[in-house]
Amino acid sequence: MPLRARHASVDEYLAAAAPEVRAVLEEIRRRALAAVPDATECISYQMPALKKKKVFFYYAAFKQHVGIYPPVKGDAALATELAPFRGPKGNLQFPLSAPMPFDLIARVAATLAEEVGVKSAAKGTA
């Protein structure tokens, strides 16, 4: 998927993704929405995002990985668990060549929602 492509909706973004990546993105979408059921979807910074009052969770497909933004700051135990996936700026990079830790990504969505004051579902698996 071209990095500069402009999409009007999350559905449009997902439709433009390569089929093998689309399934991963759709599962991230499903799990994140289950973790924060009152969130709404939008496109922000040309990426799928979740918001409630303000945007708190972004995800995007790249050639070699799926990126999750912004970094988790307030949960030290979760931050430690995420350490192997941290990119150069602290954002998360989950390699497409490895099994995708969907439960962990759902916990990230719930934690980021809480960090911006958005009520989320339990932090356990979604």
N, C-alpha and C. Protein backbone atom coordinates (compact mmCIF):
# COMPACT_ATOMS: atom_id res chain seq x y z
N MET A 1 0.85 -1.17 0.00
CA MET A 1 0.00 0.00 0.00
C MET A 1 0.90 1.23 0.00
N PRO A 2 0.68 2.18 -0.88
CA PRO A 2 1.51 3.39 -0.89
C PRO A 2 1.35 4.15 0.42
N LEU A 3 2.46 4.61 0.96
CA LEU A 3 2.43 5.32 2.23
C LEU A 3 1.67 6.64 2.14
N ARG A 4 1.60 7.25 0.98
CA ARG A 4 0.97 8.56 0.85
C ARG A 4 -0.46 8.49 0.34
N ALA A 5 -0.97 7.30 0.19
CA ALA A 5 -2.35 7.16 -0.29
C ALA A 5 -3.29 7.82 0.72
N ARG A 6 -4.30 8.48 0.20
CA ARG A 6 -5.30 9.12 1.05
C ARG A 6 -6.57 8.30 1.01
N HIS A 7 -7.07 7.98 2.17
CA HIS A 7 -8.28 7.17 2.27
C HIS A 7 -9.32 7.93 3.07
N ALA A 8 -10.56 7.85 2.63
CA ALA A 8 -11.64 8.58 3.29
C ALA A 8 -12.19 7.84 4.49
N SER A 9 -11.95 6.52 4.58
CA SER A 9 -12.50 5.74 5.69
C SER A 9 -11.57 4.57 6.01
N VAL A 10 -11.80 3.98 7.17
CA VAL A 10 -11.03 2.80 7.56
C VAL A 10 -11.32 1.67 6.58
N ASP A 11 -12.56 1.51 6.18
CA ASP A 11 -12.89 0.46 5.21
C ASP A 11 -12.09 0.64 3.92
N GLU A 12 -11.97 1.86 3.46
CA GLU A 12 -11.21 2.15 2.24
C GLU A 12 -9.73 1.82 2.43
N TYR A 13 -9.18 2.18 3.58
CA TYR A 13 -7.79 1.88 3.90
C TYR A 13 -7.56 0.37 3.85
N LEU A 14 -8.43 -0.38 4.53
CA LEU A 14 -8.29 -1.83 4.58
C LEU A 14 -8.44 -2.46 3.20
N ALA A 15 -9.35 -1.95 2.40
CA ALA A 15 -9.56 -2.48 1.05
C ALA A 15 -8.33 -2.29 0.18
N ALA A 16 -7.55 -1.26 0.44
CA ALA A 16 -6.35 -0.97 -0.35
C ALA A 16 -5.15 -1.80 0.09
N ALA A 17 -5.23 -2.44 1.25
CA ALA A 17 -4.11 -3.24 1.76
C ALA A 17 -3.98 -4.54 0.99
N ALA A 18 -2.77 -5.06 0.92
CA ALA A 18 -2.54 -6.37 0.32
C ALA A 18 -3.35 -7.41 1.09
N PRO A 19 -3.89 -8.40 0.41
CA PRO A 19 -4.76 -9.39 1.07
C PRO A 19 -4.15 -10.03 2.31
N GLU A 20 -2.87 -10.36 2.27
CA GLU A 20 -2.24 -11.01 3.42
C GLU A 20 -2.12 -10.07 4.62
N VAL A 21 -2.04 -8.79 4.38
CA VAL A 21 -1.97 -7.81 5.47
C VAL A 21 -3.38 -7.39 5.90
N ARG A 22 -4.30 -7.38 4.98
CA ARG A 22 -5.67 -6.96 5.27
C ARG A 22 -6.27 -7.77 6.42
N ALA A 23 -6.05 -9.08 6.41
CA ALA A 23 -6.59 -9.93 7.48
C ALA A 23 -6.01 -9.54 8.85
N VAL A 24 -4.75 -9.22 8.88
CA VAL A 24 -4.10 -8.78 10.13
C VAL A 24 -4.71 -7.46 10.59
N LEU A 25 -4.84 -6.52 9.69
CA LEU A 25 -5.42 -5.21 10.04
C LEU A 25 -6.87 -5.35 10.50
N GLU A 26 -7.62 -6.20 9.83
CA GLU A 26 -9.02 -6.40 10.23
C GLU A 26 -9.13 -6.99 11.62
N GLU A 27 -8.21 -7.89 11.97
CA GLU A 27 -8.24 -8.48 13.32
C GLU A 27 -7.79 -7.45 14.36
N ILE A 28 -6.82 -6.63 14.04
CA ILE A 28 -6.42 -5.55 14.95
C ILE A 28 -7.61 -4.63 15.17
N ARG A 29 -8.29 -4.28 14.11
CA ARG A 29 -9.47 -3.42 14.19
C ARG A 29 -10.52 -4.04 15.11
N ARG A 30 -10.83 -5.32 14.89
CA ARG A 30 -11.85 -6.00 15.68
C ARG A 30 -11.47 -6.05 17.16
N ARG A 31 -10.23 -6.40 17.44
CA ARG A 31 -9.79 -6.52 18.84
C ARG A 31 -9.74 -5.17 19.53
N ALA A 32 -9.26 -4.16 18.83
CA ALA A 32 -9.17 -2.82 19.43
C ALA A 32 -10.56 -2.28 19.74
N LEU A 33 -11.49 -2.47 18.81
CA LEU A 33 -12.86 -2.01 19.05
C LEU A 33 -13.53 -2.79 20.19
N ALA A 34 -13.20 -4.07 20.32
CA ALA A 34 -13.73 -4.86 21.43
C ALA A 34 -13.15 -4.38 22.76
N ALA A 35 -11.90 -3.97 22.75
CA ALA A 35 -11.24 -3.50 23.97
C ALA A 35 -11.77 -2.14 24.41
N VAL A 36 -12.18 -1.33 23.44
CA VAL A 36 -12.69 0.02 23.72
C VAL A 36 -14.00 0.18 22.92
N PRO A 37 -15.07 -0.45 23.39
CA PRO A 37 -16.30 -0.52 22.59
C PRO A 37 -16.98 0.81 22.31
N ASP A 38 -16.73 1.82 23.09
CA ASP A 38 -17.35 3.12 22.85
C ASP A 38 -16.55 4.01 21.91
N ALA A 39 -15.45 3.50 21.43
CA ALA A 39 -14.61 4.28 20.51
C ALA A 39 -15.25 4.31 19.12
N THR A 40 -14.92 5.33 18.38
CA THR A 40 -15.33 5.42 16.98
C THR A 40 -14.09 5.41 16.11
N GLU A 41 -14.28 4.99 14.88
CA GLU A 41 -13.16 4.91 13.95
C GLU A 41 -13.06 6.18 13.12
N CYS A 42 -11.84 6.45 12.71
CA CYS A 42 -11.60 7.58 11.81
C CYS A 42 -10.27 7.35 11.10
N ILE A 43 -9.98 8.20 10.15
CA ILE A 43 -8.65 8.24 9.53
C ILE A 43 -7.99 9.51 10.05
N SER A 44 -6.80 9.34 10.60
CA SER A 44 -6.04 10.47 11.12
C SER A 44 -4.58 10.25 10.74
N TYR A 45 -3.92 11.27 10.27
CA TYR A 45 -2.55 11.13 9.77
C TYR A 45 -2.47 10.02 8.72
N GLN A 46 -3.52 9.86 7.94
CA GLN A 46 -3.60 8.88 6.86
C GLN A 46 -3.54 7.43 7.35
N MET A 47 -3.92 7.21 8.61
CA MET A 47 -3.94 5.87 9.19
C MET A 47 -5.28 5.61 9.84
N PRO A 48 -5.70 4.35 9.94
CA PRO A 48 -6.88 4.03 10.74
C PRO A 48 -6.61 4.40 12.20
N ALA A 49 -7.63 4.90 12.87
CA ALA A 49 -7.46 5.33 14.25
C ALA A 49 -8.76 5.14 15.01
N LEU A 50 -8.64 5.12 16.33
CA LEU A 50 -9.79 5.09 17.22
C LEU A 50 -9.80 6.38 18.02
N LYS A 51 -11.01 6.89 18.26
CA LYS A 51 -11.10 8.10 19.06
C LYS A 51 -12.31 8.03 19.97
N LYS A 52 -12.22 8.77 21.02
CA LYS A 52 -13.30 9.03 21.96
C LYS A 52 -12.86 10.30 22.65
N LYS A 53 -13.51 11.38 22.37
CA LYS A 53 -13.06 12.73 22.76
C LYS A 53 -11.88 13.16 21.88
N LYS A 54 -10.85 12.33 21.81
CA LYS A 54 -9.73 12.60 20.91
C LYS A 54 -9.13 11.27 20.45
N VAL A 55 -8.32 11.32 19.42
CA VAL A 55 -7.71 10.11 18.88
C VAL A 55 -6.69 9.58 19.90
N PHE A 56 -6.75 8.26 20.15
CA PHE A 56 -5.84 7.67 21.13
C PHE A 56 -5.09 6.45 20.60
N PHE A 57 -5.48 5.90 19.45
CA PHE A 57 -4.87 4.66 18.95
C PHE A 57 -4.83 4.70 17.43
N TYR A 58 -3.65 4.49 16.88
CA TYR A 58 -3.46 4.45 15.43
C TYR A 58 -2.82 3.11 15.08
N TYR A 59 -3.14 2.62 13.89
CA TYR A 59 -2.44 1.43 13.38
C TYR A 59 -2.28 1.57 11.87
N ALA A 60 -1.21 0.97 11.35
CA ALA A 60 -0.93 1.12 9.93
C ALA A 60 -0.06 -0.02 9.43
N ALA A 61 -0.25 -0.35 8.16
CA ALA A 61 0.54 -1.41 7.54
C ALA A 61 1.74 -0.81 6.81
N PHE A 62 2.86 -1.48 6.95
CA PHE A 62 4.07 -1.14 6.23
C PHE A 62 4.59 -2.41 5.56
N LYS A 63 5.66 -2.32 4.80
CA LYS A 63 6.17 -3.47 4.06
C LYS A 63 6.49 -4.66 4.97
N GLN A 64 7.15 -4.39 6.07
CA GLN A 64 7.66 -5.47 6.93
C GLN A 64 6.93 -5.60 8.26
N HIS A 65 6.09 -4.61 8.61
CA HIS A 65 5.48 -4.64 9.94
C HIS A 65 4.15 -3.89 9.96
N VAL A 66 3.47 -4.04 11.08
CA VAL A 66 2.30 -3.22 11.40
C VAL A 66 2.76 -2.29 12.51
N GLY A 67 2.49 -1.00 12.35
CA GLY A 67 2.85 -0.02 13.36
C GLY A 67 1.64 0.33 14.22
N ILE A 68 1.89 0.52 15.51
CA ILE A 68 0.87 0.94 16.47
C ILE A 68 1.41 2.20 17.14
N TYR A 69 0.56 3.20 17.24
CA TYR A 69 0.97 4.51 17.77
C TYR A 69 -0.08 5.05 18.71
N PRO A 70 0.22 5.93 19.61
CA PRO A 70 1.53 6.36 20.12
C PRO A 70 2.07 5.34 21.13
N PRO A 71 3.25 5.58 21.68
CA PRO A 71 3.81 4.66 22.68
C PRO A 71 2.97 4.65 23.95
N VAL A 72 2.95 3.51 24.62
CA VAL A 72 2.32 3.39 25.94
C VAL A 72 3.28 3.99 26.95
N LYS A 73 2.75 4.83 27.84
CA LYS A 73 3.63 5.49 28.81
C LYS A 73 3.31 5.15 30.26
N GLY A 74 2.04 4.96 30.60
CA GLY A 74 1.66 4.88 32.00
C GLY A 74 1.64 3.51 32.64
N ASP A 75 1.84 2.45 31.91
CA ASP A 75 1.77 1.10 32.45
C ASP A 75 3.14 0.45 32.31
N ALA A 76 3.91 0.45 33.39
CA ALA A 76 5.29 -0.04 33.34
C ALA A 76 5.37 -1.51 32.97
N ALA A 77 4.46 -2.33 33.51
CA ALA A 77 4.50 -3.77 33.20
C ALA A 77 4.22 -4.00 31.72
N LEU A 78 3.24 -3.30 31.18
CA LEU A 78 2.93 -3.45 29.75
C LEU A 78 4.07 -2.91 28.90
N ALA A 79 4.66 -1.80 29.30
CA ALA A 79 5.79 -1.24 28.56
C ALA A 79 6.94 -2.24 28.50
N THR A 80 7.19 -2.95 29.58
CA THR A 80 8.24 -3.97 29.60
C THR A 80 7.91 -5.10 28.63
N GLU A 81 6.64 -5.52 28.62
CA GLU A 81 6.21 -6.59 27.72
C GLU A 81 6.33 -6.16 26.25
N LEU A 82 6.16 -4.88 26.01
CA LEU A 82 6.22 -4.35 24.65
C LEU A 82 7.64 -4.04 24.17
N ALA A 83 8.61 -4.08 25.07
CA ALA A 83 9.98 -3.68 24.74
C ALA A 83 10.53 -4.32 23.46
N PRO A 84 10.29 -5.60 23.20
CA PRO A 84 10.84 -6.18 21.97
C PRO A 84 10.25 -5.59 20.68
N PHE A 85 9.14 -4.91 20.79
CA PHE A 85 8.46 -4.38 19.61
C PHE A 85 8.66 -2.87 19.44
N ARG A 86 9.42 -2.25 20.32
CA ARG A 86 9.61 -0.80 20.25
C ARG A 86 10.48 -0.42 19.06
N GLY A 87 10.02 0.59 18.32
CA GLY A 87 10.80 1.14 17.22
C GLY A 87 11.69 2.25 17.73
N PRO A 88 12.39 2.94 16.85
CA PRO A 88 13.34 3.98 17.25
C PRO A 88 12.72 5.13 18.04
N LYS A 89 11.46 5.46 17.81
CA LYS A 89 10.83 6.56 18.53
C LYS A 89 9.89 6.06 19.63
N GLY A 90 9.97 4.77 19.94
CA GLY A 90 9.13 4.21 20.98
C GLY A 90 7.81 3.66 20.48
N ASN A 91 7.45 3.97 19.23
CA ASN A 91 6.23 3.41 18.67
C ASN A 91 6.43 1.91 18.45
N LEU A 92 5.35 1.18 18.32
CA LEU A 92 5.42 -0.27 18.24
C LEU A 92 5.48 -0.74 16.79
N GLN A 93 6.31 -1.75 16.55
CA GLN A 93 6.44 -2.35 15.24
C GLN A 93 6.33 -3.86 15.40
N PHE A 94 5.23 -4.42 14.90
CA PHE A 94 5.00 -5.85 14.97
C PHE A 94 5.32 -6.46 13.61
N PRO A 95 6.37 -7.29 13.52
CA PRO A 95 6.78 -7.84 12.23
C PRO A 95 5.69 -8.72 11.61
N LEU A 96 5.50 -8.57 10.33
CA LEU A 96 4.52 -9.38 9.61
C LEU A 96 5.03 -10.81 9.43
N SER A 97 6.31 -11.03 9.63
CA SER A 97 6.91 -12.36 9.47
C SER A 97 6.74 -13.23 10.71
N ALA A 98 6.17 -12.70 11.78
CA ALA A 98 5.98 -13.44 13.03
C ALA A 98 4.49 -13.45 13.38
N PRO A 99 4.08 -14.39 14.24
CA PRO A 99 2.67 -14.38 14.66
C PRO A 99 2.32 -13.03 15.31
N MET A 100 1.18 -12.50 14.96
CA MET A 100 0.75 -11.20 15.46
C MET A 100 0.16 -11.38 16.87
N PRO A 101 0.67 -10.66 17.87
CA PRO A 101 0.15 -10.78 19.24
C PRO A 101 -1.13 -9.93 19.43
N PHE A 102 -2.23 -10.41 18.88
CA PHE A 102 -3.46 -9.64 18.88
C PHE A 102 -3.95 -9.28 20.29
N ASP A 103 -3.83 -10.21 21.24
CA ASP A 103 -4.26 -9.90 22.61
C ASP A 103 -3.43 -8.76 23.19
N LEU A 104 -2.14 -8.77 22.93
CA LEU A 104 -1.27 -7.70 23.40
C LEU A 104 -1.64 -6.37 22.76
N ILE A 105 -1.94 -6.37 21.48
CA ILE A 105 -2.34 -5.15 20.79
C ILE A 105 -3.66 -4.62 21.35
N ALA A 106 -4.59 -5.51 21.69
CA ALA A 106 -5.85 -5.08 22.30
C ALA A 106 -5.59 -4.43 23.65
N ARG A 107 -4.66 -4.98 24.41
CA ARG A 107 -4.30 -4.37 25.70
C ARG A 107 -3.69 -2.98 25.50
N VAL A 108 -2.90 -2.82 24.44
CA VAL A 108 -2.33 -1.51 24.12
C VAL A 108 -3.46 -0.52 23.84
N ALA A 109 -4.45 -0.91 23.04
CA ALA A 109 -5.57 -0.02 22.74
C ALA A 109 -6.29 0.39 24.03
N ALA A 110 -6.56 -0.57 24.90
CA ALA A 110 -7.24 -0.27 26.15
C ALA A 110 -6.42 0.66 27.04
N THR A 111 -5.12 0.41 27.10
CA THR A 111 -4.23 1.23 27.92
C THR A 111 -4.13 2.65 27.37
N LEU A 112 -3.98 2.78 26.06
CA LEU A 112 -3.91 4.12 25.46
C LEU A 112 -5.22 4.88 25.68
N ALA A 113 -6.34 4.19 25.62
CA ALA A 113 -7.63 4.83 25.90
C ALA A 113 -7.66 5.37 27.32
N GLU A 114 -7.18 4.56 28.26
CA GLU A 114 -7.15 5.00 29.65
C GLU A 114 -6.18 6.16 29.85
N GLU A 115 -5.07 6.15 29.13
CA GLU A 115 -4.09 7.22 29.27
C GLU A 115 -4.65 8.57 28.83
N VAL A 116 -5.61 8.57 27.93
CA VAL A 116 -6.22 9.84 27.52
C VAL A 116 -7.58 10.05 28.18
N GLY A 117 -7.89 9.19 29.18
CA GLY A 117 -9.12 9.38 29.95
C GLY A 117 -10.36 8.83 29.29
N VAL A 118 -10.21 7.81 28.46
CA VAL A 118 -11.35 7.19 27.80
C VAL A 118 -11.62 5.85 28.48
N LYS A 119 -12.84 5.62 28.91
CA LYS A 119 -13.18 4.36 29.55
C LYS A 119 -13.08 3.23 28.53
N SER A 120 -12.44 2.12 28.95
CA SER A 120 -12.28 0.98 28.05
C SER A 120 -12.81 -0.27 28.72
N ALA A 121 -12.91 -1.34 27.94
CA ALA A 121 -13.28 -2.64 28.46
C ALA A 121 -12.10 -3.15 29.28
N ALA A 122 -12.26 -4.27 29.93
CA ALA A 122 -11.17 -4.84 30.73
C ALA A 122 -9.92 -4.98 29.89
N LYS A 123 -8.76 -4.84 30.53
CA LYS A 123 -7.49 -4.92 29.82
C LYS A 123 -7.12 -6.33 29.41
N GLY A 124 -7.88 -7.31 29.82
CA GLY A 124 -7.58 -8.69 29.43
C GLY A 124 -7.82 -8.87 27.95
N THR A 125 -7.83 -10.09 27.53
CA THR A 125 -8.03 -10.35 26.12
C THR A 125 -9.41 -9.93 25.68
N ALA A 126 -9.49 -9.49 24.44
CA ALA A 126 -10.77 -9.02 23.92
C ALA A 126 -11.45 -10.10 23.13
